[in-house]
N, C-alpha and C. Protein backbone atom coordinates (compact mmCIF):
# COMPACT_ATOMS: atom_id res chain seq x y z
N MET A 1 -51.35 -12.07 14.98
CA MET A 1 -51.13 -12.86 13.78
C MET A 1 -52.05 -14.08 13.82
N LYS A 2 -52.98 -14.17 12.85
CA LYS A 2 -53.92 -15.26 12.82
C LYS A 2 -53.49 -16.26 11.75
N LEU A 3 -53.24 -17.50 12.17
CA LEU A 3 -52.80 -18.56 11.27
C LEU A 3 -53.78 -19.71 11.30
N THR A 4 -53.85 -20.42 10.18
CA THR A 4 -54.62 -21.66 10.17
C THR A 4 -53.84 -22.72 10.94
N ALA A 5 -54.51 -23.82 11.24
CA ALA A 5 -53.85 -24.89 11.99
C ALA A 5 -52.65 -25.42 11.22
N ARG A 6 -52.80 -25.61 9.91
CA ARG A 6 -51.69 -26.12 9.10
C ARG A 6 -50.54 -25.14 9.04
N GLN A 7 -50.85 -23.84 8.89
CA GLN A 7 -49.80 -22.83 8.86
C GLN A 7 -49.04 -22.79 10.18
N ALA A 8 -49.75 -22.94 11.29
CA ALA A 8 -49.09 -22.96 12.60
C ALA A 8 -48.18 -24.17 12.73
N GLU A 9 -48.62 -25.31 12.19
CA GLU A 9 -47.79 -26.51 12.22
C GLU A 9 -46.51 -26.33 11.40
N ILE A 10 -46.64 -25.71 10.23
CA ILE A 10 -45.47 -25.50 9.37
C ILE A 10 -44.50 -24.52 10.02
N LEU A 11 -45.03 -23.47 10.63
CA LEU A 11 -44.17 -22.51 11.32
C LEU A 11 -43.43 -23.18 12.48
N ALA A 12 -44.13 -24.02 13.22
CA ALA A 12 -43.50 -24.74 14.33
C ALA A 12 -42.40 -25.66 13.83
N PHE A 13 -42.65 -26.33 12.69
CA PHE A 13 -41.65 -27.23 12.10
C PHE A 13 -40.41 -26.45 11.67
N ILE A 14 -40.61 -25.29 11.07
CA ILE A 14 -39.48 -24.45 10.65
C ILE A 14 -38.63 -24.07 11.87
N LYS A 15 -39.27 -23.65 12.94
CA LYS A 15 -38.54 -23.24 14.14
C LYS A 15 -37.86 -24.44 14.80
N GLN A 16 -38.53 -25.58 14.75
CA GLN A 16 -37.93 -26.79 15.34
C GLN A 16 -36.65 -27.17 14.61
N ARG A 17 -36.68 -27.15 13.27
CA ARG A 17 -35.51 -27.50 12.49
C ARG A 17 -34.40 -26.47 12.68
N LEU A 18 -34.78 -25.21 12.80
CA LEU A 18 -33.79 -24.17 13.02
C LEU A 18 -33.09 -24.37 14.36
N ALA A 19 -33.86 -24.75 15.37
CA ALA A 19 -33.29 -24.98 16.69
C ALA A 19 -32.40 -26.21 16.72
N ALA A 20 -32.82 -27.27 16.02
CA ALA A 20 -32.08 -28.53 16.05
C ALA A 20 -30.85 -28.51 15.17
N ASP A 21 -30.97 -27.91 13.96
CA ASP A 21 -29.91 -27.98 12.97
C ASP A 21 -29.12 -26.69 12.81
N GLY A 22 -29.69 -25.57 13.30
CA GLY A 22 -29.07 -24.28 13.02
C GLY A 22 -29.43 -23.78 11.64
N LEU A 23 -30.31 -24.50 10.92
CA LEU A 23 -30.72 -24.13 9.57
C LEU A 23 -32.22 -24.41 9.42
N PRO A 24 -32.93 -23.58 8.65
CA PRO A 24 -34.33 -23.88 8.38
C PRO A 24 -34.43 -25.04 7.40
N PRO A 25 -35.59 -25.68 7.29
CA PRO A 25 -35.74 -26.78 6.34
C PRO A 25 -35.83 -26.27 4.91
N THR A 26 -35.55 -27.15 3.95
CA THR A 26 -35.79 -26.83 2.56
C THR A 26 -37.27 -27.05 2.27
N ARG A 27 -37.73 -26.58 1.13
CA ARG A 27 -39.12 -26.79 0.74
C ARG A 27 -39.41 -28.28 0.54
N SER A 28 -38.42 -29.00 0.02
CA SER A 28 -38.60 -30.45 -0.17
C SER A 28 -38.79 -31.15 1.16
N GLU A 29 -38.06 -30.72 2.18
CA GLU A 29 -38.20 -31.34 3.49
C GLU A 29 -39.57 -31.04 4.08
N ILE A 30 -40.11 -29.86 3.82
CA ILE A 30 -41.46 -29.53 4.28
C ILE A 30 -42.48 -30.42 3.58
N VAL A 31 -42.32 -30.60 2.26
CA VAL A 31 -43.21 -31.46 1.49
C VAL A 31 -43.20 -32.87 2.07
N ASN A 32 -42.01 -33.41 2.32
CA ASN A 32 -41.89 -34.78 2.83
C ASN A 32 -42.45 -34.92 4.24
N HIS A 33 -42.18 -33.92 5.08
CA HIS A 33 -42.61 -34.01 6.47
C HIS A 33 -44.14 -34.01 6.58
N PHE A 34 -44.80 -33.17 5.77
CA PHE A 34 -46.25 -33.04 5.88
C PHE A 34 -47.01 -33.89 4.86
N GLY A 35 -46.27 -34.60 4.00
CA GLY A 35 -46.91 -35.48 3.05
C GLY A 35 -47.68 -34.76 1.95
N PHE A 36 -47.24 -33.56 1.58
CA PHE A 36 -47.90 -32.85 0.50
C PHE A 36 -47.67 -33.58 -0.82
N ARG A 37 -48.61 -33.46 -1.73
CA ARG A 37 -48.50 -34.16 -3.01
C ARG A 37 -47.59 -33.42 -4.00
N SER A 38 -47.39 -32.13 -3.78
CA SER A 38 -46.55 -31.35 -4.69
C SER A 38 -45.89 -30.21 -3.93
N PRO A 39 -44.74 -29.71 -4.44
CA PRO A 39 -44.08 -28.56 -3.80
C PRO A 39 -44.96 -27.32 -3.80
N ASN A 40 -45.91 -27.22 -4.74
CA ASN A 40 -46.77 -26.04 -4.79
C ASN A 40 -47.61 -25.87 -3.53
N ALA A 41 -47.99 -27.00 -2.93
CA ALA A 41 -48.78 -26.92 -1.70
C ALA A 41 -47.96 -26.30 -0.58
N ALA A 42 -46.71 -26.75 -0.46
CA ALA A 42 -45.84 -26.17 0.57
C ALA A 42 -45.58 -24.69 0.29
N GLN A 43 -45.34 -24.36 -0.98
CA GLN A 43 -45.03 -22.98 -1.33
C GLN A 43 -46.21 -22.05 -1.04
N SER A 44 -47.43 -22.54 -1.27
CA SER A 44 -48.60 -21.69 -1.00
C SER A 44 -48.73 -21.40 0.49
N HIS A 45 -48.44 -22.39 1.34
CA HIS A 45 -48.47 -22.16 2.79
C HIS A 45 -47.37 -21.20 3.21
N LEU A 46 -46.18 -21.35 2.62
CA LEU A 46 -45.08 -20.45 2.95
C LEU A 46 -45.40 -19.01 2.55
N LYS A 47 -46.00 -18.84 1.38
CA LYS A 47 -46.39 -17.49 0.94
C LYS A 47 -47.41 -16.88 1.89
N ALA A 48 -48.34 -17.70 2.35
CA ALA A 48 -49.35 -17.20 3.29
C ALA A 48 -48.70 -16.79 4.61
N LEU A 49 -47.73 -17.58 5.07
CA LEU A 49 -47.01 -17.22 6.30
C LEU A 49 -46.24 -15.92 6.12
N ALA A 50 -45.65 -15.73 4.94
CA ALA A 50 -44.90 -14.51 4.67
C ALA A 50 -45.85 -13.30 4.62
N GLU A 51 -47.03 -13.47 4.02
CA GLU A 51 -48.00 -12.38 3.95
C GLU A 51 -48.51 -11.99 5.33
N ARG A 52 -48.51 -12.92 6.26
CA ARG A 52 -48.98 -12.64 7.61
C ARG A 52 -47.84 -12.18 8.53
N GLY A 53 -46.63 -12.06 7.96
CA GLY A 53 -45.51 -11.54 8.74
C GLY A 53 -44.87 -12.55 9.66
N ALA A 54 -45.16 -13.86 9.45
CA ALA A 54 -44.58 -14.88 10.32
C ALA A 54 -43.18 -15.27 9.88
N ILE A 55 -42.92 -15.21 8.57
CA ILE A 55 -41.62 -15.57 8.04
C ILE A 55 -41.24 -14.60 6.93
N GLU A 56 -39.96 -14.62 6.56
CA GLU A 56 -39.47 -13.91 5.38
C GLU A 56 -38.95 -14.96 4.41
N LEU A 57 -39.34 -14.85 3.14
CA LEU A 57 -38.86 -15.75 2.10
C LEU A 57 -37.79 -15.05 1.29
N ARG A 58 -36.61 -15.66 1.23
CA ARG A 58 -35.50 -15.09 0.48
C ARG A 58 -35.34 -15.87 -0.82
N PRO A 59 -35.62 -15.24 -1.96
CA PRO A 59 -35.61 -15.94 -3.24
C PRO A 59 -34.23 -16.45 -3.63
N GLY A 60 -34.22 -17.57 -4.37
CA GLY A 60 -32.97 -18.11 -4.89
C GLY A 60 -32.19 -18.96 -3.92
N LYS A 61 -32.74 -19.22 -2.73
CA LYS A 61 -32.04 -20.02 -1.73
C LYS A 61 -32.93 -21.17 -1.28
N ALA A 62 -32.32 -22.38 -1.27
CA ALA A 62 -33.09 -23.57 -0.88
C ALA A 62 -33.59 -23.46 0.56
N ARG A 63 -32.81 -22.80 1.41
CA ARG A 63 -33.18 -22.65 2.82
C ARG A 63 -33.48 -21.19 3.15
N GLY A 64 -34.00 -20.46 2.18
CA GLY A 64 -34.29 -19.05 2.38
C GLY A 64 -35.59 -18.80 3.09
N ILE A 65 -35.77 -19.40 4.26
CA ILE A 65 -36.98 -19.25 5.07
C ILE A 65 -36.54 -18.75 6.44
N VAL A 66 -36.92 -17.53 6.79
CA VAL A 66 -36.46 -16.93 8.05
C VAL A 66 -37.66 -16.57 8.92
N PRO A 67 -37.83 -17.23 10.07
CA PRO A 67 -38.90 -16.84 11.00
C PRO A 67 -38.69 -15.41 11.49
N LEU A 68 -39.76 -14.67 11.62
CA LEU A 68 -39.69 -13.29 12.09
C LEU A 68 -40.26 -13.18 13.49
N GLY A 69 -39.94 -12.07 14.12
CA GLY A 69 -40.48 -11.81 15.45
C GLY A 69 -39.62 -12.32 16.57
N SER A 70 -38.44 -12.94 16.22
CA SER A 70 -37.52 -13.40 17.25
C SER A 70 -36.15 -13.50 16.63
N ASP A 71 -35.13 -13.52 17.47
CA ASP A 71 -33.76 -13.68 17.01
C ASP A 71 -33.53 -15.16 16.74
N SER A 72 -33.53 -15.56 15.45
CA SER A 72 -33.45 -16.97 15.11
C SER A 72 -32.17 -17.61 15.62
N THR A 73 -31.06 -16.89 15.51
CA THR A 73 -29.79 -17.43 15.98
C THR A 73 -29.81 -17.65 17.48
N ALA A 74 -30.32 -16.67 18.20
CA ALA A 74 -30.39 -16.79 19.66
C ALA A 74 -31.34 -17.90 20.05
N GLU A 75 -32.46 -18.02 19.30
CA GLU A 75 -33.43 -19.06 19.61
C GLU A 75 -32.82 -20.43 19.40
N ALA A 76 -32.07 -20.59 18.35
CA ALA A 76 -31.44 -21.88 18.08
C ALA A 76 -30.44 -22.22 19.16
N SER A 77 -29.66 -21.23 19.59
CA SER A 77 -28.65 -21.47 20.60
C SER A 77 -29.28 -21.81 21.94
N ALA A 78 -30.42 -21.16 22.22
CA ALA A 78 -31.05 -21.37 23.51
C ALA A 78 -31.71 -22.73 23.62
N THR A 79 -32.17 -23.28 22.49
CA THR A 79 -32.90 -24.54 22.54
C THR A 79 -32.05 -25.74 22.19
N SER A 80 -30.84 -25.56 21.65
CA SER A 80 -29.96 -26.68 21.33
C SER A 80 -28.97 -26.89 22.46
N PRO A 81 -28.66 -28.16 22.80
CA PRO A 81 -27.62 -28.40 23.79
C PRO A 81 -26.32 -27.73 23.35
N ARG A 82 -25.63 -27.11 24.29
CA ARG A 82 -24.48 -26.29 23.94
C ARG A 82 -23.40 -27.06 23.20
N ASN A 83 -23.20 -28.34 23.56
CA ASN A 83 -22.12 -29.10 22.96
C ASN A 83 -22.61 -30.19 22.02
N GLU A 84 -23.84 -30.08 21.53
CA GLU A 84 -24.36 -31.05 20.59
C GLU A 84 -24.38 -30.45 19.20
N LEU A 85 -23.68 -31.11 18.26
CA LEU A 85 -23.60 -30.62 16.90
C LEU A 85 -24.40 -31.52 15.97
N PRO A 86 -25.24 -30.94 15.10
CA PRO A 86 -25.98 -31.77 14.15
C PRO A 86 -25.12 -32.18 12.96
N VAL A 87 -25.35 -33.38 12.47
CA VAL A 87 -24.79 -33.81 11.18
C VAL A 87 -25.87 -33.53 10.15
N ILE A 88 -25.63 -32.55 9.27
CA ILE A 88 -26.70 -32.09 8.38
C ILE A 88 -26.51 -32.51 6.93
N GLY A 89 -25.54 -33.34 6.64
CA GLY A 89 -25.37 -33.77 5.26
C GLY A 89 -24.01 -34.37 5.04
N ARG A 90 -23.59 -34.39 3.79
CA ARG A 90 -22.29 -34.94 3.46
C ARG A 90 -21.58 -34.05 2.46
N VAL A 91 -20.25 -34.20 2.41
CA VAL A 91 -19.44 -33.36 1.55
C VAL A 91 -18.39 -34.24 0.88
N ALA A 92 -18.03 -33.91 -0.37
CA ALA A 92 -17.09 -34.72 -1.12
C ALA A 92 -15.67 -34.27 -0.89
N ALA A 93 -14.79 -35.22 -0.59
CA ALA A 93 -13.35 -34.98 -0.61
C ALA A 93 -12.85 -35.76 -1.82
N GLY A 94 -13.03 -35.20 -2.97
CA GLY A 94 -12.78 -35.85 -4.25
C GLY A 94 -13.54 -35.06 -5.29
N THR A 95 -14.19 -35.74 -6.21
CA THR A 95 -15.04 -35.05 -7.17
C THR A 95 -16.27 -34.52 -6.44
N PRO A 96 -16.64 -33.26 -6.66
CA PRO A 96 -17.81 -32.71 -5.97
C PRO A 96 -19.05 -33.55 -6.20
N LEU A 97 -19.85 -33.75 -5.15
CA LEU A 97 -21.08 -34.51 -5.28
C LEU A 97 -22.26 -33.60 -4.97
N MET A 98 -23.44 -34.05 -5.38
CA MET A 98 -24.63 -33.25 -5.13
C MET A 98 -24.82 -33.07 -3.63
N ALA A 99 -25.18 -31.86 -3.25
CA ALA A 99 -25.35 -31.57 -1.83
C ALA A 99 -26.53 -32.35 -1.26
N ILE A 100 -26.30 -32.97 -0.11
CA ILE A 100 -27.37 -33.64 0.62
C ILE A 100 -27.46 -32.98 1.98
N GLU A 101 -28.60 -32.35 2.27
CA GLU A 101 -28.70 -31.53 3.46
C GLU A 101 -29.84 -31.99 4.36
N ASN A 102 -29.77 -33.22 4.78
CA ASN A 102 -30.76 -33.76 5.70
C ASN A 102 -30.13 -33.98 7.07
N HIS A 103 -30.95 -33.83 8.08
CA HIS A 103 -30.47 -34.04 9.44
C HIS A 103 -30.22 -35.52 9.65
N GLN A 104 -28.97 -35.91 9.94
CA GLN A 104 -28.60 -37.31 10.04
C GLN A 104 -28.20 -37.72 11.46
N GLY A 105 -28.55 -36.91 12.43
CA GLY A 105 -28.19 -37.22 13.80
C GLY A 105 -27.36 -36.12 14.41
N SER A 106 -26.79 -36.38 15.56
CA SER A 106 -25.98 -35.37 16.24
C SER A 106 -24.94 -36.06 17.13
N PHE A 107 -23.90 -35.28 17.48
CA PHE A 107 -22.81 -35.78 18.31
C PHE A 107 -22.49 -34.76 19.39
N GLN A 108 -22.07 -35.27 20.55
CA GLN A 108 -21.61 -34.40 21.61
C GLN A 108 -20.18 -33.96 21.30
N VAL A 109 -19.96 -32.68 21.21
CA VAL A 109 -18.65 -32.13 20.88
C VAL A 109 -18.37 -30.93 21.77
N ASP A 110 -17.15 -30.82 22.25
CA ASP A 110 -16.74 -29.64 23.02
C ASP A 110 -16.43 -28.51 22.04
N ARG A 111 -17.39 -27.66 21.78
CA ARG A 111 -17.21 -26.60 20.78
C ARG A 111 -16.08 -25.65 21.16
N GLN A 112 -15.89 -25.46 22.45
CA GLN A 112 -14.87 -24.51 22.89
C GLN A 112 -13.46 -24.99 22.60
N ALA A 113 -13.32 -26.25 22.23
CA ALA A 113 -11.99 -26.79 21.93
C ALA A 113 -11.53 -26.40 20.53
N PHE A 114 -12.40 -25.76 19.75
CA PHE A 114 -12.07 -25.40 18.37
C PHE A 114 -12.22 -23.89 18.18
N LYS A 115 -11.31 -23.34 17.37
CA LYS A 115 -11.38 -21.92 17.03
C LYS A 115 -11.23 -21.75 15.53
N PRO A 116 -12.25 -21.13 14.89
CA PRO A 116 -13.54 -20.72 15.46
C PRO A 116 -14.41 -21.92 15.80
N ARG A 117 -15.41 -21.68 16.61
CA ARG A 117 -16.26 -22.78 17.07
C ARG A 117 -17.10 -23.34 15.92
N PRO A 118 -17.26 -24.66 15.86
CA PRO A 118 -18.07 -25.27 14.79
C PRO A 118 -19.56 -25.07 15.03
N ASP A 119 -20.30 -25.04 13.91
CA ASP A 119 -21.75 -24.89 13.95
C ASP A 119 -22.48 -26.17 13.58
N TYR A 120 -21.85 -27.02 12.77
CA TYR A 120 -22.47 -28.27 12.35
C TYR A 120 -21.39 -29.20 11.82
N MET A 121 -21.79 -30.42 11.44
CA MET A 121 -20.85 -31.40 10.90
C MET A 121 -21.36 -31.94 9.57
N LEU A 122 -20.42 -32.34 8.73
CA LEU A 122 -20.72 -32.98 7.46
C LEU A 122 -19.95 -34.28 7.37
N GLU A 123 -20.57 -35.31 6.82
CA GLU A 123 -19.89 -36.58 6.61
C GLU A 123 -19.04 -36.49 5.33
N VAL A 124 -17.77 -36.90 5.42
CA VAL A 124 -16.85 -36.80 4.30
C VAL A 124 -16.91 -38.06 3.44
N HIS A 125 -16.97 -37.87 2.13
CA HIS A 125 -16.93 -38.97 1.17
C HIS A 125 -15.78 -38.70 0.20
N GLY A 126 -14.84 -39.62 0.14
CA GLY A 126 -13.71 -39.46 -0.77
C GLY A 126 -12.40 -39.29 -0.03
N ASP A 127 -11.29 -39.30 -0.81
CA ASP A 127 -9.96 -39.28 -0.20
C ASP A 127 -9.05 -38.17 -0.71
N SER A 128 -9.62 -37.12 -1.30
CA SER A 128 -8.78 -36.07 -1.87
C SER A 128 -8.12 -35.20 -0.81
N MET A 129 -8.52 -35.33 0.47
CA MET A 129 -7.95 -34.48 1.52
C MET A 129 -7.22 -35.30 2.57
N VAL A 130 -6.78 -36.52 2.21
CA VAL A 130 -6.16 -37.40 3.21
C VAL A 130 -4.87 -36.82 3.77
N ASP A 131 -4.09 -36.08 2.96
CA ASP A 131 -2.84 -35.52 3.46
C ASP A 131 -3.06 -34.35 4.41
N ALA A 132 -4.30 -33.90 4.50
CA ALA A 132 -4.66 -32.88 5.48
C ALA A 132 -5.35 -33.52 6.68
N GLY A 133 -5.33 -34.87 6.74
CA GLY A 133 -5.91 -35.57 7.87
C GLY A 133 -7.41 -35.73 7.80
N ILE A 134 -7.98 -35.57 6.61
CA ILE A 134 -9.43 -35.71 6.42
C ILE A 134 -9.67 -36.93 5.55
N ARG A 135 -10.27 -37.97 6.13
CA ARG A 135 -10.43 -39.24 5.44
C ARG A 135 -11.89 -39.55 5.12
N ASP A 136 -12.06 -40.50 4.22
CA ASP A 136 -13.40 -40.97 3.87
C ASP A 136 -14.11 -41.49 5.11
N GLY A 137 -15.33 -41.02 5.35
CA GLY A 137 -16.11 -41.45 6.50
C GLY A 137 -15.97 -40.55 7.72
N ASP A 138 -15.00 -39.63 7.71
CA ASP A 138 -14.84 -38.70 8.83
C ASP A 138 -16.02 -37.74 8.92
N LEU A 139 -16.22 -37.19 10.11
CA LEU A 139 -17.16 -36.10 10.29
C LEU A 139 -16.36 -34.80 10.36
N LEU A 140 -16.61 -33.92 9.41
CA LEU A 140 -15.92 -32.64 9.35
C LEU A 140 -16.70 -31.60 10.14
N LEU A 141 -16.05 -30.98 11.12
CA LEU A 141 -16.67 -29.92 11.89
C LEU A 141 -16.54 -28.61 11.11
N VAL A 142 -17.64 -27.91 10.94
CA VAL A 142 -17.67 -26.74 10.07
C VAL A 142 -18.14 -25.50 10.83
N HIS A 143 -17.35 -24.43 10.68
CA HIS A 143 -17.76 -23.11 11.18
C HIS A 143 -18.42 -22.38 10.03
N ARG A 144 -19.67 -22.00 10.19
CA ARG A 144 -20.42 -21.37 9.12
C ARG A 144 -19.93 -19.94 8.87
N THR A 145 -19.46 -19.67 7.65
CA THR A 145 -19.01 -18.33 7.26
C THR A 145 -18.94 -18.26 5.74
N PRO A 146 -19.23 -17.10 5.15
CA PRO A 146 -19.12 -16.96 3.70
C PRO A 146 -17.75 -16.49 3.25
N GLU A 147 -16.82 -16.32 4.19
CA GLU A 147 -15.51 -15.77 3.86
C GLU A 147 -14.40 -16.72 4.32
N ALA A 148 -13.28 -16.69 3.58
CA ALA A 148 -12.13 -17.53 3.94
C ALA A 148 -10.87 -16.91 3.37
N ARG A 149 -9.74 -17.19 4.00
CA ARG A 149 -8.44 -16.73 3.53
C ARG A 149 -7.79 -17.81 2.67
N SER A 150 -6.90 -17.39 1.83
CA SER A 150 -6.14 -18.35 1.02
C SER A 150 -5.37 -19.28 1.95
N GLY A 151 -5.44 -20.59 1.67
CA GLY A 151 -4.76 -21.58 2.49
C GLY A 151 -5.66 -22.27 3.49
N GLN A 152 -6.86 -21.75 3.71
CA GLN A 152 -7.76 -22.37 4.67
C GLN A 152 -8.55 -23.50 4.00
N ILE A 153 -8.91 -24.51 4.79
CA ILE A 153 -9.74 -25.60 4.31
C ILE A 153 -11.19 -25.15 4.38
N VAL A 154 -11.88 -25.24 3.23
CA VAL A 154 -13.23 -24.70 3.15
C VAL A 154 -14.21 -25.76 2.66
N VAL A 155 -15.46 -25.57 3.03
CA VAL A 155 -16.57 -26.27 2.39
C VAL A 155 -17.12 -25.30 1.37
N ALA A 156 -17.04 -25.67 0.10
CA ALA A 156 -17.41 -24.76 -0.99
C ALA A 156 -18.53 -25.36 -1.82
N ARG A 157 -19.39 -24.48 -2.32
CA ARG A 157 -20.49 -24.90 -3.18
C ARG A 157 -20.22 -24.43 -4.60
N LEU A 158 -20.25 -25.36 -5.55
CA LEU A 158 -20.15 -25.06 -6.97
C LEU A 158 -21.47 -25.47 -7.61
N ASP A 159 -22.27 -24.46 -8.00
CA ASP A 159 -23.62 -24.72 -8.49
C ASP A 159 -24.37 -25.48 -7.39
N ASN A 160 -24.82 -26.69 -7.66
CA ASN A 160 -25.55 -27.47 -6.65
C ASN A 160 -24.69 -28.56 -6.02
N GLU A 161 -23.37 -28.43 -6.18
CA GLU A 161 -22.47 -29.44 -5.66
C GLU A 161 -21.62 -28.87 -4.52
N VAL A 162 -21.22 -29.75 -3.63
CA VAL A 162 -20.45 -29.32 -2.46
C VAL A 162 -19.18 -30.15 -2.35
N THR A 163 -18.08 -29.49 -2.00
CA THR A 163 -16.82 -30.18 -1.85
C THR A 163 -16.02 -29.54 -0.73
N VAL A 164 -15.05 -30.30 -0.19
CA VAL A 164 -14.13 -29.75 0.80
C VAL A 164 -12.74 -29.75 0.18
N LYS A 165 -12.10 -28.59 0.20
CA LYS A 165 -10.78 -28.41 -0.40
C LYS A 165 -10.06 -27.27 0.32
N ARG A 166 -8.80 -27.05 -0.06
CA ARG A 166 -8.05 -25.92 0.47
C ARG A 166 -8.16 -24.76 -0.52
N LEU A 167 -8.60 -23.62 -0.05
CA LEU A 167 -8.79 -22.46 -0.92
C LEU A 167 -7.45 -21.82 -1.26
N ARG A 168 -7.29 -21.47 -2.55
CA ARG A 168 -6.08 -20.76 -2.99
C ARG A 168 -6.48 -19.57 -3.84
N LYS A 169 -5.98 -18.41 -3.45
CA LYS A 169 -6.24 -17.18 -4.21
C LYS A 169 -4.93 -16.71 -4.82
N THR A 170 -4.92 -16.48 -6.13
CA THR A 170 -3.70 -16.03 -6.80
C THR A 170 -3.66 -14.51 -6.87
N ARG A 171 -2.49 -13.97 -7.17
CA ARG A 171 -2.36 -12.51 -7.29
C ARG A 171 -3.17 -11.98 -8.46
N GLY A 172 -3.42 -12.81 -9.43
CA GLY A 172 -4.22 -12.39 -10.57
C GLY A 172 -5.72 -12.42 -10.31
N GLY A 173 -6.10 -12.79 -9.09
CA GLY A 173 -7.51 -12.78 -8.73
C GLY A 173 -8.24 -14.08 -9.02
N HIS A 174 -7.49 -15.12 -9.41
CA HIS A 174 -8.12 -16.40 -9.69
C HIS A 174 -8.27 -17.21 -8.40
N LEU A 175 -9.30 -18.06 -8.38
CA LEU A 175 -9.56 -18.92 -7.23
C LEU A 175 -9.40 -20.37 -7.63
N PHE A 176 -8.75 -21.14 -6.73
CA PHE A 176 -8.60 -22.57 -6.94
C PHE A 176 -9.02 -23.30 -5.67
N LEU A 177 -9.53 -24.51 -5.85
CA LEU A 177 -9.81 -25.40 -4.74
C LEU A 177 -8.84 -26.56 -4.85
N ASP A 178 -7.86 -26.59 -3.95
CA ASP A 178 -6.76 -27.54 -4.04
C ASP A 178 -7.01 -28.77 -3.18
N PRO A 179 -6.76 -29.96 -3.72
CA PRO A 179 -6.83 -31.19 -2.92
C PRO A 179 -5.59 -31.35 -2.06
N ALA A 180 -5.64 -32.27 -1.13
CA ALA A 180 -4.47 -32.64 -0.33
C ALA A 180 -4.18 -34.11 -0.61
N ASN A 181 -4.04 -34.41 -1.89
CA ASN A 181 -3.76 -35.76 -2.36
C ASN A 181 -3.25 -35.63 -3.79
N ALA A 182 -2.03 -36.11 -4.03
CA ALA A 182 -1.39 -35.93 -5.34
C ALA A 182 -2.15 -36.61 -6.48
N ALA A 183 -3.09 -37.50 -6.14
CA ALA A 183 -3.85 -38.20 -7.18
C ALA A 183 -4.94 -37.32 -7.79
N TYR A 184 -5.19 -36.17 -7.19
CA TYR A 184 -6.25 -35.28 -7.66
C TYR A 184 -5.66 -33.96 -8.16
N SER A 185 -6.38 -33.31 -9.07
CA SER A 185 -5.97 -32.03 -9.62
C SER A 185 -6.76 -30.90 -8.97
N PRO A 186 -6.16 -29.71 -8.91
CA PRO A 186 -6.89 -28.55 -8.38
C PRO A 186 -8.11 -28.23 -9.24
N LEU A 187 -9.11 -27.66 -8.61
CA LEU A 187 -10.30 -27.20 -9.31
C LEU A 187 -10.22 -25.69 -9.46
N LYS A 188 -10.23 -25.21 -10.68
CA LYS A 188 -10.27 -23.78 -10.91
C LYS A 188 -11.72 -23.31 -10.87
N VAL A 189 -11.98 -22.25 -10.12
CA VAL A 189 -13.34 -21.75 -9.99
C VAL A 189 -13.65 -20.87 -11.18
N ASP A 190 -14.45 -21.37 -12.09
CA ASP A 190 -14.84 -20.65 -13.30
C ASP A 190 -15.87 -19.58 -12.93
N SER A 191 -15.69 -18.38 -13.47
CA SER A 191 -16.60 -17.28 -13.15
C SER A 191 -18.03 -17.54 -13.62
N SER A 192 -18.21 -18.49 -14.54
CA SER A 192 -19.54 -18.80 -15.04
C SER A 192 -20.33 -19.67 -14.07
N ARG A 193 -19.66 -20.24 -13.07
CA ARG A 193 -20.34 -21.12 -12.12
C ARG A 193 -20.75 -20.36 -10.86
N ASP A 194 -21.80 -20.83 -10.25
CA ASP A 194 -22.28 -20.25 -8.99
C ASP A 194 -21.41 -20.79 -7.87
N PHE A 195 -20.56 -19.94 -7.31
CA PHE A 195 -19.59 -20.37 -6.30
C PHE A 195 -19.85 -19.64 -4.99
N ALA A 196 -19.74 -20.38 -3.89
CA ALA A 196 -19.90 -19.77 -2.58
C ALA A 196 -19.15 -20.57 -1.54
N ILE A 197 -18.59 -19.87 -0.56
CA ILE A 197 -17.99 -20.51 0.60
C ILE A 197 -19.10 -20.76 1.61
N GLU A 198 -19.27 -22.02 2.00
CA GLU A 198 -20.28 -22.38 2.99
C GLU A 198 -19.74 -22.33 4.41
N GLY A 199 -18.42 -22.60 4.56
CA GLY A 199 -17.85 -22.59 5.90
C GLY A 199 -16.40 -23.04 5.89
N LEU A 200 -15.81 -23.02 7.08
CA LEU A 200 -14.43 -23.45 7.28
C LEU A 200 -14.40 -24.80 7.99
N GLY A 201 -13.52 -25.69 7.53
CA GLY A 201 -13.29 -26.93 8.24
C GLY A 201 -12.39 -26.67 9.44
N VAL A 202 -12.90 -26.91 10.65
CA VAL A 202 -12.14 -26.57 11.85
C VAL A 202 -11.73 -27.79 12.67
N GLY A 203 -12.16 -28.99 12.25
CA GLY A 203 -11.78 -30.18 12.99
C GLY A 203 -12.41 -31.41 12.38
N VAL A 204 -12.03 -32.56 12.89
CA VAL A 204 -12.47 -33.84 12.34
C VAL A 204 -12.76 -34.81 13.47
N ILE A 205 -13.85 -35.57 13.30
CA ILE A 205 -14.13 -36.71 14.18
C ILE A 205 -14.04 -37.97 13.33
N ARG A 206 -13.17 -38.89 13.75
CA ARG A 206 -12.96 -40.09 12.95
C ARG A 206 -13.89 -41.20 13.40
N ARG A 207 -14.62 -41.76 12.44
CA ARG A 207 -15.57 -42.83 12.75
C ARG A 207 -15.13 -44.17 12.19
N ARG A 208 -14.12 -44.15 11.29
CA ARG A 208 -13.64 -45.41 10.71
C ARG A 208 -12.17 -45.59 11.05
N LEU A 209 -11.79 -46.78 11.47
CA LEU A 209 -10.40 -47.06 11.78
C LEU A 209 -9.64 -47.37 10.50
N SER A 210 -8.40 -46.88 10.40
CA SER A 210 -7.59 -47.14 9.20
C SER A 210 -6.96 -48.52 9.28
């Protein structure tokens, strides 16, 4: 596989972010990191990498960049400290807010103390989940999975917004995202919206004293 110097740098950056965060970078993060003047420059390099078999581009996903030729999950696990979890963004416990998915640091956590084991952390904003022990400013430990049972606390994406709520499935097939605070109303998942489960909330690290 013959790559230009810039293409090799971009591929290395993708693998570095995958190892550190457990997720590849977004195109915007590539633009910012390399100082490109427009997203088109980053996209042209990504297309060239895909044509050379270095990566796979998955359309419709902000992080749809998959390095080829190695087990990305195994590579990330091998290069990341076993008990270090990245903080990769923030999540709303209240009205859903726009997803922010930047690497904001990391914390030492005993992953084996949680079942299922967490993959990353999100900073909580809002108080809609206080009765479930999730407060504003907490770090929510998240196990990455697209599936959840009714009653579980989930990180859910509605269009381009992310929120943490308790999932409720009715017998009629309807989905609701329920708060754990009487001041908030449940969110009904409208079939017209792009909805996805990003993961399960499996624990909390408190950074602010009450």
